[in-house]
Each structure stands twice: as structure tokens, then as C-alpha cells.
Amino acid sequence: MRTQPHQAPADRVILVGTGDTAMAALWRLRAAGLSVRWYADRADIGEETVLAHGLGGGRIELSFDDPLAASLEGASAIVLAGARRGDARLAERARASGVPVHFADEAGLPGFALAGLIQATTRAAATA
């Protein structure tokens, strides 16, 4: 199957949030080999950014933009880390676009959610 030039293949997970929950999710996503577009909700994440850069190997895209306004194009799933105002609207928008939504806890992502993300991303990459 060929992808139209105006369509990006779904090959990355969108991670929204900061703090321990987001970092745990980021570590698990990258350990699984997934590309991540990380929407940080605050700018004072120097240590997290350094860790993410070292961990990412070029497969982490960091953004401080509002994830509510962000394009979901190219997303195989969204991971919401921590409670943020607007998460419900983002989850609703993602589901309406056919993008699965997962919620991270202190351990990062439940194993079944991580397995689903890996499977969805692999399937999307295979059809691109």
C-alpha cells in the first residue's frame, strides 16, 4: 500500500505531560523502540530533556506547543501522563480521529498498553 504524499504514516506515539509519570512512560516507550513526539507542559524540564535526548537517539521530538492544537497526523497513539486540564478534550479529539488513547501512571504504562502501542505502530509502519 502506498501512502499519499500529503499523508504521513502513523509511526509515532504522542506523549503529553512531564514529571515522573511522563519520564517513566518515555523510558518504556523508547525501550520498546517507539518514536515519540513529547509535548511537555512546562519549560523547566532541563534534566528530563537531557535524559530524553540521551535515551531518544534522534527518535524523540520535543515540543512545548499546546497539544490540544497539535496535529494528530502521523500518530499511532497518544499517552497522557498525569492529570492536566484539557486531557479529556484531547482524548476525545484523538478517539474521534481514530487514534487510541492510553493513560500512564507512576510506573509509566501498563504492560498491555505498551504491547498495544508496539503492535499498532508496527502495523502502521508495515502499511506505509
C-alpha atoms as a PDB file:
ATOM      1  CA  MET A   1       0.000   0.000   0.000  1.00  0.00           C
ATOM      2  CA  ARG A   2       1.355   3.410  -0.963  1.00  0.00           C
ATOM      3  CA  THR A   3       0.933   6.461   1.206  1.00  0.00           C
ATOM      4  CA  GLN A   4      -0.361   9.605  -0.468  1.00  0.00           C
ATOM      5  CA  PRO A   5       2.217  12.442  -0.425  1.00  0.00           C
ATOM      6  CA  HIS A   6       0.008  14.573   1.837  1.00  0.00           C
ATOM      7  CA  GLN A   7      -0.356  11.806   4.410  1.00  0.00           C
ATOM      8  CA  ALA A   8       2.316  10.897   6.932  1.00  0.00           C
ATOM      9  CA  PRO A   9       2.439   7.262   8.022  1.00  0.00           C
ATOM     10  CA  ALA A  10       1.361   6.636  11.608  1.00  0.00           C
ATOM     11  CA  ASP A  11       4.701   5.881  13.151  1.00  0.00           C
ATOM     12  CA  ARG A  12       4.990   7.738  16.417  1.00  0.00           C
ATOM     13  CA  VAL A  13       3.415   7.929  19.817  1.00  0.00           C
ATOM     14  CA  ILE A  14       2.405  11.300  21.224  1.00  0.00           C
ATOM     15  CA  LEU A  15       3.301  11.689  24.902  1.00  0.00           C
ATOM     16  CA  VAL A  16       1.692  14.546  26.840  1.00  0.00           C
ATOM     17  CA  GLY A  17       2.913  15.632  30.269  1.00  0.00           C
ATOM     18  CA  THR A  18       6.000  15.990  32.437  1.00  0.00           C
ATOM     19  CA  GLY A  19       7.273  14.727  35.761  1.00  0.00           C
ATOM     20  CA  ASP A  20       7.940  11.217  36.994  1.00  0.00           C
ATOM     21  CA  THR A  21       4.909   9.719  35.281  1.00  0.00           C
ATOM     22  CA  ALA A  22       5.868  11.119  31.878  1.00  0.00           C
ATOM     23  CA  MET A  23       9.510  10.096  32.286  1.00  0.00           C
ATOM     24  CA  ALA A  24       8.522   6.541  33.220  1.00  0.00           C
ATOM     25  CA  ALA A  25       6.285   6.376  30.144  1.00  0.00           C
ATOM     26  CA  LEU A  26       9.020   7.874  27.951  1.00  0.00           C
ATOM     27  CA  TRP A  27      11.561   5.306  29.146  1.00  0.00           C
ATOM     28  CA  ARG A  28       9.184   2.433  28.429  1.00  0.00           C
ATOM     29  CA  LEU A  29       8.206   3.786  25.005  1.00  0.00           C
ATOM     30  CA  ARG A  30      11.819   4.269  23.934  1.00  0.00           C
ATOM     31  CA  ALA A  31      12.923   0.940  25.418  1.00  0.00           C
ATOM     32  CA  ALA A  32      10.296  -0.617  23.159  1.00  0.00           C
ATOM     33  CA  GLY A  33      11.856   1.194  20.189  1.00  0.00           C
ATOM     34  CA  LEU A  34       8.960   3.561  19.540  1.00  0.00           C
ATOM     35  CA  SER A  35       9.338   7.092  18.175  1.00  0.00           C
ATOM     36  CA  VAL A  36       7.871   9.732  20.492  1.00  0.00           C
ATOM     37  CA  ARG A  37       6.560  13.249  19.977  1.00  0.00           C
ATOM     38  CA  TRP A  38       6.691  14.607  23.546  1.00  0.00           C
ATOM     39  CA  TYR A  39       4.524  17.588  24.497  1.00  0.00           C
ATOM     40  CA  ALA A  40       5.988  18.959  27.713  1.00  0.00           C
ATOM     41  CA  ASP A  41       3.590  21.072  29.759  1.00  0.00           C
ATOM     42  CA  ARG A  42       6.245  23.208  31.415  1.00  0.00           C
ATOM     43  CA  ALA A  43       9.569  24.673  30.341  1.00  0.00           C
ATOM     44  CA  ASP A  44      11.697  23.812  33.411  1.00  0.00           C
ATOM     45  CA  ILE A  45      12.498  20.260  32.361  1.00  0.00           C
ATOM     46  CA  GLY A  46      16.243  20.557  31.818  1.00  0.00           C
ATOM     47  CA  GLU A  47      17.118  17.226  33.425  1.00  0.00           C
ATOM     48  CA  GLU A  48      14.252  15.420  31.701  1.00  0.00           C
ATOM     49  CA  THR A  49      15.286  16.889  28.340  1.00  0.00           C
ATOM     50  CA  VAL A  50      18.891  15.744  28.751  1.00  0.00           C
ATOM     51  CA  LEU A  51      17.715  12.250  29.717  1.00  0.00           C
ATOM     52  CA  ALA A  52      15.265  12.169  26.826  1.00  0.00           C
ATOM     53  CA  HIS A  53      17.945  13.259  24.362  1.00  0.00           C
ATOM     54  CA  GLY A  54      20.319  10.566  25.581  1.00  0.00           C
ATOM     55  CA  LEU A  55      17.593   7.967  25.548  1.00  0.00           C
ATOM     56  CA  GLY A  56      15.972   9.045  22.308  1.00  0.00           C
ATOM     57  CA  GLY A  57      18.745   8.528  19.814  1.00  0.00           C
ATOM     58  CA  GLY A  58      17.026  11.003  17.500  1.00  0.00           C
ATOM     59  CA  ARG A  59      13.614   9.412  17.883  1.00  0.00           C
ATOM     60  CA  ILE A  60      12.166  11.898  20.362  1.00  0.00           C
ATOM     61  CA  GLU A  61      10.653  15.132  19.110  1.00  0.00           C
ATOM     62  CA  LEU A  62      10.207  17.646  21.964  1.00  0.00           C
ATOM     63  CA  SER A  63       7.518  20.309  21.767  1.00  0.00           C
ATOM     64  CA  PHE A  64       6.223  22.982  24.135  1.00  0.00           C
ATOM     65  CA  ASP A  65       3.217  23.697  21.918  1.00  0.00           C
ATOM     66  CA  ASP A  66      -0.305  23.158  23.174  1.00  0.00           C
ATOM     67  CA  PRO A  67      -1.160  19.514  22.411  1.00  0.00           C
ATOM     68  CA  LEU A  68      -4.840  20.479  22.078  1.00  0.00           C
ATOM     69  CA  ALA A  69      -3.961  22.427  18.941  1.00  0.00           C
ATOM     70  CA  ALA A  70      -1.417  19.944  17.603  1.00  0.00           C
ATOM     71  CA  SER A  71      -1.906  17.843  14.527  1.00  0.00           C
ATOM     72  CA  LEU A  72      -2.544  14.181  15.188  1.00  0.00           C
ATOM     73  CA  GLU A  73      -1.208  13.273  11.756  1.00  0.00           C
ATOM     74  CA  GLY A  74       1.411  10.563  11.987  1.00  0.00           C
ATOM     75  CA  ALA A  75       0.311   9.464  15.456  1.00  0.00           C
ATOM     76  CA  SER A  76      -0.276   5.789  16.163  1.00  0.00           C
ATOM     77  CA  ALA A  77      -1.408   6.537  19.751  1.00  0.00           C
ATOM     78  CA  ILE A  78      -1.491   9.175  22.473  1.00  0.00           C
ATOM     79  CA  VAL A  79      -0.203   8.626  26.008  1.00  0.00           C
ATOM     80  CA  LEU A  80      -1.488  11.052  28.657  1.00  0.00           C
ATOM     81  CA  ALA A  81       0.830  11.232  31.670  1.00  0.00           C
ATOM     82  CA  GLY A  82      -0.620  12.921  34.729  1.00  0.00           C
ATOM     83  CA  ALA A  83      -3.813  14.871  35.116  1.00  0.00           C
ATOM     84  CA  ARG A  84      -3.877  18.043  33.042  1.00  0.00           C
ATOM     85  CA  ARG A  85      -6.655  20.408  32.243  1.00  0.00           C
ATOM     86  CA  GLY A  86      -7.675  19.647  28.675  1.00  0.00           C
ATOM     87  CA  ASP A  87      -6.726  15.966  28.716  1.00  0.00           C
ATOM     88  CA  ALA A  88     -10.367  14.932  28.330  1.00  0.00           C
ATOM     89  CA  ARG A  89     -10.752  17.181  25.269  1.00  0.00           C
ATOM     90  CA  LEU A  90      -7.536  15.842  23.761  1.00  0.00           C
ATOM     91  CA  ALA A  91      -8.592  12.243  24.409  1.00  0.00           C
ATOM     92  CA  GLU A  92     -11.984  12.915  22.828  1.00  0.00           C
ATOM     93  CA  ARG A  93     -10.389  14.526  19.776  1.00  0.00           C
ATOM     94  CA  ALA A  94      -7.923  11.657  19.402  1.00  0.00           C
ATOM     95  CA  ARG A  95     -10.607   8.994  19.647  1.00  0.00           C
ATOM     96  CA  ALA A  96     -12.732  10.867  17.088  1.00  0.00           C
ATOM     97  CA  SER A  97      -9.695  10.750  14.760  1.00  0.00           C
ATOM     98  CA  GLY A  98      -9.224   7.022  15.356  1.00  0.00           C
ATOM     99  CA  VAL A  99      -6.073   7.460  17.468  1.00  0.00           C
ATOM    100  CA  PRO A 100      -6.010   5.198  20.557  1.00  0.00           C
ATOM    101  CA  VAL A 101      -5.535   6.914  23.922  1.00  0.00           C
ATOM    102  CA  HIS A 102      -3.597   5.411  26.848  1.00  0.00           C
ATOM    103  CA  PHE A 103      -3.180   6.775  30.359  1.00  0.00           C
ATOM    104  CA  ALA A 104       0.162   6.428  32.141  1.00  0.00           C
ATOM    105  CA  ASP A 105       0.530   6.004  35.878  1.00  0.00           C
ATOM    106  CA  GLU A 106       3.565   6.217  38.171  1.00  0.00           C
ATOM    107  CA  ALA A 107       5.046   3.088  36.567  1.00  0.00           C
ATOM    108  CA  GLY A 108       4.772   4.568  33.081  1.00  0.00           C
ATOM    109  CA  LEU A 109       2.469   2.416  31.019  1.00  0.00           C
ATOM    110  CA  PRO A 110       0.705  -0.796  31.894  1.00  0.00           C
ATOM    111  CA  GLY A 111       2.236  -3.742  30.051  1.00  0.00           C
ATOM    112  CA  PHE A 112      -0.883  -4.391  27.984  1.00  0.00           C
ATOM    113  CA  ALA A 113      -0.957  -0.746  26.844  1.00  0.00           C
ATOM    114  CA  LEU A 114       2.708  -0.856  25.847  1.00  0.00           C
ATOM    115  CA  ALA A 115       2.136  -4.091  23.929  1.00  0.00           C
ATOM    116  CA  GLY A 116      -0.794  -2.483  22.117  1.00  0.00           C
ATOM    117  CA  LEU A 117       1.298   0.563  21.208  1.00  0.00           C
ATOM    118  CA  ILE A 118       4.076  -1.605  19.804  1.00  0.00           C
ATOM    119  CA  GLN A 119       1.590  -3.637  17.776  1.00  0.00           C
ATOM    120  CA  ALA A 120      -0.236  -0.555  16.418  1.00  0.00           C
ATOM    121  CA  THR A 121       2.998   1.195  15.472  1.00  0.00           C
ATOM    122  CA  THR A 122       4.405  -1.909  13.798  1.00  0.00           C
ATOM    123  CA  ARG A 123       1.166  -2.432  11.878  1.00  0.00           C
ATOM    124  CA  ALA A 124       1.095   1.231  10.771  1.00  0.00           C
ATOM    125  CA  ALA A 125       4.710   1.126   9.618  1.00  0.00           C
ATOM    126  CA  ALA A 126       4.063  -2.062   7.639  1.00  0.00           C
ATOM    127  CA  THR A 127       1.191  -0.472   5.714  1.00  0.00           C
ATOM    128  CA  ALA A 128       3.120   2.718   4.923  1.00  0.00           C
END
